[in-house]
Amino acid sequence: MKLINTGKKKAADAPEKAKNVLNNDSKFAIVEGYKIARTNLVFSLTALNSNCVAVTSWSKGEGKSTATVNLAISFAKMGKRVLLIDTDLRRPNLHNLLKLKNESGVSDVIGQFNDFETAVHRDVIPCLDVLSSGAIPPNPSELLASSYFAELVERAKQVYDYVIMDTPPLGVVADTLTMKDLVGGYVLVVREKVTSHGDIERALQSVQLADSKVLGFLKVGCEMRSKRYGRKNNYGYNYGGTYYRY
């Protein structure tokens, strides 16, 4: 299946923009794209008897965190209780994207500097709670591989209908694959004209070698064009989602 073009220079490592987070003014095509992703993912998780998924990418700057936030928002729109967890302990992506006030998060809870009830951001939108990454620790890999983090996630899976984790890029650090036993699988974010086929192959190999699975691809940064009516539609956009089941 052809996903993307190759041969383009990688995107700059620029902060993701809050304006790309889904809201009441988001274009119809973008909202529908995430609904399709949500529907396919619900079926995949149900088949795996899991309610937890990790979202990742191969490299930085591919729009992974924004895509994760939008996917979580789409799940919350169903009226399900959703917890979004930022497990990239080196970069506080979700804290900046969602403009969260409380800086406590995963690292503080695991390090027992704060408790879950105090650290979690309640109802960022209706039905969506968020646990940000927290203070940047000196040993993020060890924290994410610890029994304390596993206990945090298992507790969340019992309390929430869905747990969605924003994880570090696979090609940058090994943290993401340490969570494989906690999740039903991974959604891989790929960016049009940025992510190469080689990147996708390396990501798939990494997940497969860890004895886990990629549930699907979420392609972002694409321009939507429709030939159904013989002309371009009105839904061209700089950031959107198309989901491919794997």
C-alpha atoms as a PDB file:
ATOM      1  CA  MET A   1       0.000   0.000   0.000  1.00  0.00           C
ATOM      2  CA  LYS A   2       1.422   3.372  -0.990  1.00  0.00           C
ATOM      3  CA  LEU A   3       1.369   5.708   1.960  1.00  0.00           C
ATOM      4  CA  ILE A   4       3.644   8.647   1.333  1.00  0.00           C
ATOM      5  CA  ASN A   5       6.214  10.252  -0.896  1.00  0.00           C
ATOM      6  CA  THR A   6       9.910   9.873  -0.130  1.00  0.00           C
ATOM      7  CA  GLY A   7      13.086  11.816  -0.724  1.00  0.00           C
ATOM      8  CA  LYS A   8      12.039  14.942   1.159  1.00  0.00           C
ATOM      9  CA  LYS A   9      14.080  16.612   3.862  1.00  0.00           C
ATOM     10  CA  LYS A  10      13.019  15.850   7.420  1.00  0.00           C
ATOM     11  CA  ALA A  11      10.803  18.352   9.203  1.00  0.00           C
ATOM     12  CA  ALA A  12      12.480  20.752  11.573  1.00  0.00           C
ATOM     13  CA  ASP A  13      12.287  19.950  15.237  1.00  0.00           C
ATOM     14  CA  ALA A  14       9.818  22.764  15.906  1.00  0.00           C
ATOM     15  CA  PRO A  15       7.229  22.847  18.697  1.00  0.00           C
ATOM     16  CA  GLU A  16       3.826  21.541  17.674  1.00  0.00           C
ATOM     17  CA  LYS A  17       1.166  24.246  17.556  1.00  0.00           C
ATOM     18  CA  ALA A  18      -1.920  24.369  19.762  1.00  0.00           C
ATOM     19  CA  LYS A  19      -3.936  25.768  16.842  1.00  0.00           C
ATOM     20  CA  ASN A  20      -3.841  22.303  15.251  1.00  0.00           C
ATOM     21  CA  VAL A  21      -5.660  20.711  18.197  1.00  0.00           C
ATOM     22  CA  LEU A  22      -9.272  19.800  17.379  1.00  0.00           C
ATOM     23  CA  ASN A  23     -11.873  22.345  18.473  1.00  0.00           C
ATOM     24  CA  ASN A  24     -15.293  23.627  17.463  1.00  0.00           C
ATOM     25  CA  ASP A  25     -13.763  25.525  14.544  1.00  0.00           C
ATOM     26  CA  SER A  26     -11.864  22.564  13.081  1.00  0.00           C
ATOM     27  CA  LYS A  27     -12.717  21.701   9.491  1.00  0.00           C
ATOM     28  CA  PHE A  28     -15.159  18.906   8.876  1.00  0.00           C
ATOM     29  CA  ALA A  29     -12.677  16.739   6.953  1.00  0.00           C
ATOM     30  CA  ILE A  30     -10.163  16.804   9.801  1.00  0.00           C
ATOM     31  CA  VAL A  31     -12.768  15.861  12.395  1.00  0.00           C
ATOM     32  CA  GLU A  32     -14.070  13.054  10.194  1.00  0.00           C
ATOM     33  CA  GLY A  33     -10.545  11.770   9.587  1.00  0.00           C
ATOM     34  CA  TYR A  34     -10.027  11.285  13.301  1.00  0.00           C
ATOM     35  CA  LYS A  35     -13.464   9.705  13.664  1.00  0.00           C
ATOM     36  CA  ILE A  36     -12.473   7.095  11.089  1.00  0.00           C
ATOM     37  CA  ALA A  37      -9.231   6.460  12.959  1.00  0.00           C
ATOM     38  CA  ARG A  38     -11.159   6.173  16.217  1.00  0.00           C
ATOM     39  CA  THR A  39     -13.665   3.694  14.803  1.00  0.00           C
ATOM     40  CA  ASN A  40     -10.988   1.425  13.365  1.00  0.00           C
ATOM     41  CA  LEU A  41      -8.983   1.598  16.557  1.00  0.00           C
ATOM     42  CA  VAL A  42     -12.006   0.720  18.720  1.00  0.00           C
ATOM     43  CA  PHE A  43     -12.511  -2.446  16.666  1.00  0.00           C
ATOM     44  CA  SER A  44      -8.823  -3.344  16.908  1.00  0.00           C
ATOM     45  CA  LEU A  45      -8.690  -2.847  20.680  1.00  0.00           C
ATOM     46  CA  THR A  46     -11.914  -4.768  21.218  1.00  0.00           C
ATOM     47  CA  ALA A  47     -10.503  -7.723  19.282  1.00  0.00           C
ATOM     48  CA  LEU A  48      -7.401  -7.598  21.499  1.00  0.00           C
ATOM     49  CA  ASN A  49      -9.452  -7.257  24.692  1.00  0.00           C
ATOM     50  CA  SER A  50      -7.530  -4.076  25.531  1.00  0.00           C
ATOM     51  CA  ASN A  51      -8.430  -0.458  26.237  1.00  0.00           C
ATOM     52  CA  CYS A  52      -4.928   1.004  26.052  1.00  0.00           C
ATOM     53  CA  VAL A  53      -2.962   2.126  22.999  1.00  0.00           C
ATOM     54  CA  ALA A  54       0.359   3.885  22.459  1.00  0.00           C
ATOM     55  CA  VAL A  55       0.863   6.424  19.686  1.00  0.00           C
ATOM     56  CA  THR A  56       4.377   6.869  18.330  1.00  0.00           C
ATOM     57  CA  SER A  57       6.399   7.860  15.253  1.00  0.00           C
ATOM     58  CA  TRP A  58       9.863   7.134  13.950  1.00  0.00           C
ATOM     59  CA  SER A  59      11.361  10.629  14.211  1.00  0.00           C
ATOM     60  CA  LYS A  60      10.784  13.940  15.937  1.00  0.00           C
ATOM     61  CA  GLY A  61       8.857  16.691  14.176  1.00  0.00           C
ATOM     62  CA  GLU A  62       6.248  14.456  12.518  1.00  0.00           C
ATOM     63  CA  GLY A  63       3.219  15.788  14.417  1.00  0.00           C
ATOM     64  CA  LYS A  64       2.840  12.787  16.722  1.00  0.00           C
ATOM     65  CA  SER A  65       1.790  14.641  19.867  1.00  0.00           C
ATOM     66  CA  THR A  66      -0.853  16.738  18.114  1.00  0.00           C
ATOM     67  CA  ALA A  67      -2.213  13.607  16.447  1.00  0.00           C
ATOM     68  CA  THR A  68      -2.344  11.838  19.826  1.00  0.00           C
ATOM     69  CA  VAL A  69      -4.231  14.728  21.413  1.00  0.00           C
ATOM     70  CA  ASN A  70      -6.715  14.820  18.540  1.00  0.00           C
ATOM     71  CA  LEU A  71      -7.258  11.073  18.714  1.00  0.00           C
ATOM     72  CA  ALA A  72      -7.934  11.333  22.463  1.00  0.00           C
ATOM     73  CA  ILE A  73     -10.363  14.209  21.891  1.00  0.00           C
ATOM     74  CA  SER A  74     -12.186  12.131  19.282  1.00  0.00           C
ATOM     75  CA  PHE A  75     -12.528   9.247  21.761  1.00  0.00           C
ATOM     76  CA  ALA A  76     -13.819  11.614  24.462  1.00  0.00           C
ATOM     77  CA  LYS A  77     -16.465  12.922  22.036  1.00  0.00           C
ATOM     78  CA  MET A  78     -18.076   9.475  22.238  1.00  0.00           C
ATOM     79  CA  GLY A  79     -18.855  10.156  25.892  1.00  0.00           C
ATOM     80  CA  LYS A  80     -16.259   7.632  27.072  1.00  0.00           C
ATOM     81  CA  ARG A  81     -13.923   8.381  29.964  1.00  0.00           C
ATOM     82  CA  VAL A  82     -10.475   8.853  28.452  1.00  0.00           C
ATOM     83  CA  LEU A  83      -7.062   9.377  30.037  1.00  0.00           C
ATOM     84  CA  LEU A  84      -4.321  10.845  27.862  1.00  0.00           C
ATOM     85  CA  ILE A  85      -0.817  10.221  29.233  1.00  0.00           C
ATOM     86  CA  ASP A  86       2.356  11.968  28.055  1.00  0.00           C
ATOM     87  CA  THR A  87       5.152   9.433  28.456  1.00  0.00           C
ATOM     88  CA  ASP A  88       7.790  11.455  26.596  1.00  0.00           C
ATOM     89  CA  LEU A  89       9.526  12.480  29.799  1.00  0.00           C
ATOM     90  CA  ARG A  90      12.239  14.382  27.931  1.00  0.00           C
ATOM     91  CA  ARG A  91       9.887  16.859  26.191  1.00  0.00           C
ATOM     92  CA  PRO A  92       6.674  18.212  27.805  1.00  0.00           C
ATOM     93  CA  ASN A  93       4.664  18.184  24.566  1.00  0.00           C
ATOM     94  CA  LEU A  94       1.131  17.827  25.888  1.00  0.00           C
ATOM     95  CA  HIS A  95       1.640  20.392  28.629  1.00  0.00           C
ATOM     96  CA  ASN A  96       2.432  23.036  26.021  1.00  0.00           C
ATOM     97  CA  LEU A  97      -0.131  21.914  23.433  1.00  0.00           C
ATOM     98  CA  LEU A  98      -3.030  21.908  25.872  1.00  0.00           C
ATOM     99  CA  LYS A  99      -1.749  24.870  27.917  1.00  0.00           C
ATOM    100  CA  LEU A 100      -2.030  22.963  31.183  1.00  0.00           C
ATOM    101  CA  LYS A 101      -1.478  24.929  34.368  1.00  0.00           C
ATOM    102  CA  ASN A 102      -0.341  22.186  36.718  1.00  0.00           C
ATOM    103  CA  GLU A 103       3.198  21.076  35.845  1.00  0.00           C
ATOM    104  CA  SER A 104       3.067  17.825  37.848  1.00  0.00           C
ATOM    105  CA  GLY A 105       2.817  14.641  35.845  1.00  0.00           C
ATOM    106  CA  VAL A 106       4.039  11.106  35.244  1.00  0.00           C
ATOM    107  CA  SER A 107       7.571  11.578  36.584  1.00  0.00           C
ATOM    108  CA  ASP A 108       6.278  13.206  39.773  1.00  0.00           C
ATOM    109  CA  VAL A 109       3.773  10.405  40.423  1.00  0.00           C
ATOM    110  CA  ILE A 110       6.309   7.641  39.774  1.00  0.00           C
ATOM    111  CA  GLY A 111       8.911   9.436  41.893  1.00  0.00           C
ATOM    112  CA  GLN A 112       6.296   9.787  44.649  1.00  0.00           C
ATOM    113  CA  PHE A 113       6.620  13.567  44.716  1.00  0.00           C
ATOM    114  CA  ASN A 114       2.908  13.833  43.982  1.00  0.00           C
ATOM    115  CA  ASP A 115      -0.088  11.532  43.810  1.00  0.00           C
ATOM    116  CA  PHE A 116      -2.184  10.681  40.785  1.00  0.00           C
ATOM    117  CA  GLU A 117      -5.325  12.437  42.014  1.00  0.00           C
ATOM    118  CA  THR A 118      -3.478  15.733  42.363  1.00  0.00           C
ATOM    119  CA  ALA A 119      -1.324  15.470  39.240  1.00  0.00           C
ATOM    120  CA  VAL A 120      -4.044  14.564  36.722  1.00  0.00           C
ATOM    121  CA  HIS A 121      -5.815  17.382  34.873  1.00  0.00           C
ATOM    122  CA  ARG A 122      -9.546  16.738  35.075  1.00  0.00           C
ATOM    123  CA  ASP A 123     -11.963  17.418  32.221  1.00  0.00           C
ATOM    124  CA  VAL A 124      -9.593  19.281  29.922  1.00  0.00           C
ATOM    125  CA  ILE A 125     -12.591  18.796  27.690  1.00  0.00           C
ATOM    126  CA  PRO A 126     -15.653  16.815  28.861  1.00  0.00           C
ATOM    127  CA  CYS A 127     -14.688  13.154  29.465  1.00  0.00           C
ATOM    128  CA  LEU A 128     -10.964  13.766  28.814  1.00  0.00           C
ATOM    129  CA  ASP A 129      -8.418  13.767  31.650  1.00  0.00           C
ATOM    130  CA  VAL A 130      -4.730  14.383  30.972  1.00  0.00           C
ATOM    131  CA  LEU A 131      -1.602  13.306  32.844  1.00  0.00           C
ATOM    132  CA  SER A 132       1.316  15.321  31.498  1.00  0.00           C
ATOM    133  CA  SER A 133       4.954  14.203  31.581  1.00  0.00           C
ATOM    134  CA  GLY A 134       5.902  16.235  34.643  1.00  0.00           C
ATOM    135  CA  ALA A 135       9.369  17.385  35.669  1.00  0.00           C
ATOM    136  CA  ILE A 136      12.165  16.165  33.379  1.00  0.00           C
ATOM    137  CA  PRO A 137      13.922  13.368  35.304  1.00  0.00           C
ATOM    138  CA  PRO A 138      17.563  12.260  34.970  1.00  0.00           C
ATOM    139  CA  ASN A 139      16.496   8.649  34.268  1.00  0.00           C
ATOM    140  CA  PRO A 140      13.360   8.603  32.056  1.00  0.00           C
ATOM    141  CA  SER A 141      13.998   5.138  30.596  1.00  0.00           C
ATOM    142  CA  GLU A 142      14.298   3.552  34.024  1.00  0.00           C
ATOM    143  CA  LEU A 143      11.134   5.274  35.257  1.00  0.00           C
ATOM    144  CA  LEU A 144       9.052   4.069  32.321  1.00  0.00           C
ATOM    145  CA  ALA A 145      10.358   0.513  32.738  1.00  0.00           C
ATOM    146  CA  SER A 146       9.629   0.489  36.470  1.00  0.00           C
ATOM    147  CA  SER A 147       6.887  -1.376  38.301  1.00  0.00           C
ATOM    148  CA  TYR A 148       5.597   1.995  39.547  1.00  0.00           C
ATOM    149  CA  PHE A 149       4.759   3.108  36.023  1.00  0.00           C
ATOM    150  CA  ALA A 150       3.171  -0.256  35.228  1.00  0.00           C
ATOM    151  CA  GLU A 151       0.992   0.060  38.333  1.00  0.00           C
ATOM    152  CA  LEU A 152      -0.035   3.594  37.297  1.00  0.00           C
ATOM    153  CA  VAL A 153      -1.122   2.423  33.841  1.00  0.00           C
ATOM    154  CA  GLU A 154      -2.918  -0.680  35.129  1.00  0.00           C
ATOM    155  CA  ARG A 155      -4.833   1.462  37.604  1.00  0.00           C
ATOM    156  CA  ALA A 156      -5.790   3.895  34.846  1.00  0.00           C
ATOM    157  CA  LYS A 157      -7.008   1.032  32.641  1.00  0.00           C
ATOM    158  CA  GLN A 158      -9.402  -0.028  35.389  1.00  0.00           C
ATOM    159  CA  VAL A 159     -10.770   3.477  35.981  1.00  0.00           C
ATOM    160  CA  TYR A 160     -11.026   4.772  32.397  1.00  0.00           C
ATOM    161  CA  ASP A 161     -12.746   3.412  29.309  1.00  0.00           C
ATOM    162  CA  TYR A 162      -9.671   4.180  27.201  1.00  0.00           C
ATOM    163  CA  VAL A 163      -6.066   5.062  27.983  1.00  0.00           C
ATOM    164  CA  ILE A 164      -4.076   6.710  25.174  1.00  0.00           C
ATOM    165  CA  MET A 165      -0.346   7.291  25.566  1.00  0.00           C
ATOM    166  CA  ASP A 166       1.800   9.766  23.665  1.00  0.00           C
ATOM    167  CA  THR A 167       5.172   7.998  23.506  1.00  0.00           C
ATOM    168  CA  PRO A 168       8.656   9.035  22.352  1.00  0.00           C
ATOM    169  CA  PRO A 169       9.705   8.459  18.713  1.00  0.00           C
ATOM    170  CA  LEU A 170      10.921   4.914  18.095  1.00  0.00           C
ATOM    171  CA  GLY A 171      13.971   6.041  16.176  1.00  0.00           C
ATOM    172  CA  VAL A 172      15.183   8.385  18.915  1.00  0.00           C
ATOM    173  CA  VAL A 173      15.010   6.444  22.208  1.00  0.00           C
ATOM    174  CA  ALA A 174      14.076   2.939  23.310  1.00  0.00           C
ATOM    175  CA  ASP A 175      11.529   4.067  25.935  1.00  0.00           C
ATOM    176  CA  THR A 176       8.448   3.365  23.828  1.00  0.00           C
ATOM    177  CA  LEU A 177       8.980  -0.368  23.469  1.00  0.00           C
ATOM    178  CA  THR A 178       9.387  -0.854  27.230  1.00  0.00           C
ATOM    179  CA  MET A 179       5.622  -0.240  27.442  1.00  0.00           C
ATOM    180  CA  LYS A 180       4.669  -3.062  25.051  1.00  0.00           C
ATOM    181  CA  ASP A 181       3.145  -5.277  27.744  1.00  0.00           C
ATOM    182  CA  LEU A 182       0.887  -2.455  28.950  1.00  0.00           C
ATOM    183  CA  VAL A 183      -0.766  -1.644  25.618  1.00  0.00           C
ATOM    184  CA  GLY A 184      -2.825  -3.467  23.010  1.00  0.00           C
ATOM    185  CA  GLY A 185      -0.451  -2.170  20.338  1.00  0.00           C
ATOM    186  CA  TYR A 186       0.943   0.910  18.648  1.00  0.00           C
ATOM    187  CA  VAL A 187      -0.434   3.480  16.223  1.00  0.00           C
ATOM    188  CA  LEU A 188       2.340   4.833  14.023  1.00  0.00           C
ATOM    189  CA  VAL A 189       2.077   8.486  12.948  1.00  0.00           C
ATOM    190  CA  VAL A 190       3.577   9.196   9.531  1.00  0.00           C
ATOM    191  CA  ARG A 191       3.824  12.616   7.950  1.00  0.00           C
ATOM    192  CA  GLU A 192       3.271  13.116   4.234  1.00  0.00           C
ATOM    193  CA  LYS A 193       6.460  14.064   2.342  1.00  0.00           C
ATOM    194  CA  VAL A 194       8.493  13.697   5.552  1.00  0.00           C
ATOM    195  CA  THR A 195       8.350  10.111   6.792  1.00  0.00           C
ATOM    196  CA  SER A 196      10.142   7.777   4.373  1.00  0.00           C
ATOM    197  CA  HIS A 197       9.312   4.187   3.498  1.00  0.00           C
ATOM    198  CA  GLY A 198      12.604   3.251   5.143  1.00  0.00           C
ATOM    199  CA  ASP A 199      11.434   4.913   8.360  1.00  0.00           C
ATOM    200  CA  ILE A 200       8.218   2.894   8.271  1.00  0.00           C
ATOM    201  CA  GLU A 201      10.096  -0.356   7.686  1.00  0.00           C
ATOM    202  CA  ARG A 202      12.465   0.367  10.566  1.00  0.00           C
ATOM    203  CA  ALA A 203       9.563   1.229  12.861  1.00  0.00           C
ATOM    204  CA  LEU A 204       7.705  -1.970  11.941  1.00  0.00           C
ATOM    205  CA  GLN A 205      10.824  -4.067  12.484  1.00  0.00           C
ATOM    206  CA  SER A 206      11.436  -2.473  15.884  1.00  0.00           C
ATOM    207  CA  VAL A 207       7.893  -3.197  17.064  1.00  0.00           C
ATOM    208  CA  GLN A 208       7.912  -6.733  15.669  1.00  0.00           C
ATOM    209  CA  LEU A 209      11.285  -7.528  17.262  1.00  0.00           C
ATOM    210  CA  ALA A 210       9.805  -6.408  20.571  1.00  0.00           C
ATOM    211  CA  ASP A 211       7.041  -9.002  20.028  1.00  0.00           C
ATOM    212  CA  SER A 212       4.326  -6.361  19.784  1.00  0.00           C
ATOM    213  CA  LYS A 213       2.167  -5.063  16.929  1.00  0.00           C
ATOM    214  CA  VAL A 214       1.335  -1.931  14.953  1.00  0.00           C
ATOM    215  CA  LEU A 215      -2.444  -1.522  14.893  1.00  0.00           C
ATOM    216  CA  GLY A 216      -2.431   1.025  12.107  1.00  0.00           C
ATOM    217  CA  PHE A 217      -0.930   4.157  10.594  1.00  0.00           C
ATOM    218  CA  LEU A 218      -2.167   7.701  11.117  1.00  0.00           C
ATOM    219  CA  LYS A 219      -1.047   9.864   8.209  1.00  0.00           C
ATOM    220  CA  VAL A 220      -0.886  13.582   8.934  1.00  0.00           C
ATOM    221  CA  GLY A 221       0.150  16.744   7.158  1.00  0.00           C
ATOM    222  CA  CYS A 222      -1.743  15.782   4.003  1.00  0.00           C
ATOM    223  CA  GLU A 223      -3.840  17.903   1.679  1.00  0.00           C
ATOM    224  CA  MET A 224      -7.268  16.479   0.971  1.00  0.00           C
ATOM    225  CA  ARG A 225      -8.510  16.616  -2.598  1.00  0.00           C
ATOM    226  CA  SER A 226     -11.687  15.077  -3.911  1.00  0.00           C
ATOM    227  CA  LYS A 227     -12.427  13.981  -7.471  1.00  0.00           C
ATOM    228  CA  ARG A 228     -15.945  12.888  -6.622  1.00  0.00           C
ATOM    229  CA  TYR A 229     -17.445  16.123  -7.871  1.00  0.00           C
ATOM    230  CA  GLY A 230     -14.841  16.840 -10.522  1.00  0.00           C
ATOM    231  CA  ARG A 231     -13.184  19.626  -8.536  1.00  0.00           C
ATOM    232  CA  LYS A 232     -11.258  20.274  -5.354  1.00  0.00           C
ATOM    233  CA  ASN A 233     -13.342  20.334  -2.216  1.00  0.00           C
ATOM    234  CA  ASN A 234     -13.191  23.007   0.451  1.00  0.00           C
ATOM    235  CA  TYR A 235     -11.290  20.891   2.942  1.00  0.00           C
ATOM    236  CA  GLY A 236      -7.665  21.537   2.064  1.00  0.00           C
ATOM    237  CA  TYR A 237      -5.657  21.679   5.295  1.00  0.00           C
ATOM    238  CA  ASN A 238      -2.143  21.665   6.710  1.00  0.00           C
ATOM    239  CA  TYR A 239      -2.774  19.098   9.403  1.00  0.00           C
ATOM    240  CA  GLY A 240      -5.208  16.250   9.281  1.00  0.00           C
ATOM    241  CA  GLY A 241      -5.525  12.548   9.809  1.00  0.00           C
ATOM    242  CA  THR A 242      -6.035   9.519   7.594  1.00  0.00           C
ATOM    243  CA  TYR A 243      -5.989   6.105   9.223  1.00  0.00           C
ATOM    244  CA  TYR A 244      -4.716   2.922   7.648  1.00  0.00           C
ATOM    245  CA  ARG A 245      -5.237  -0.416   9.339  1.00  0.00           C
ATOM    246  CA  TYR A 246      -2.180  -2.662   9.355  1.00  0.00           C
END
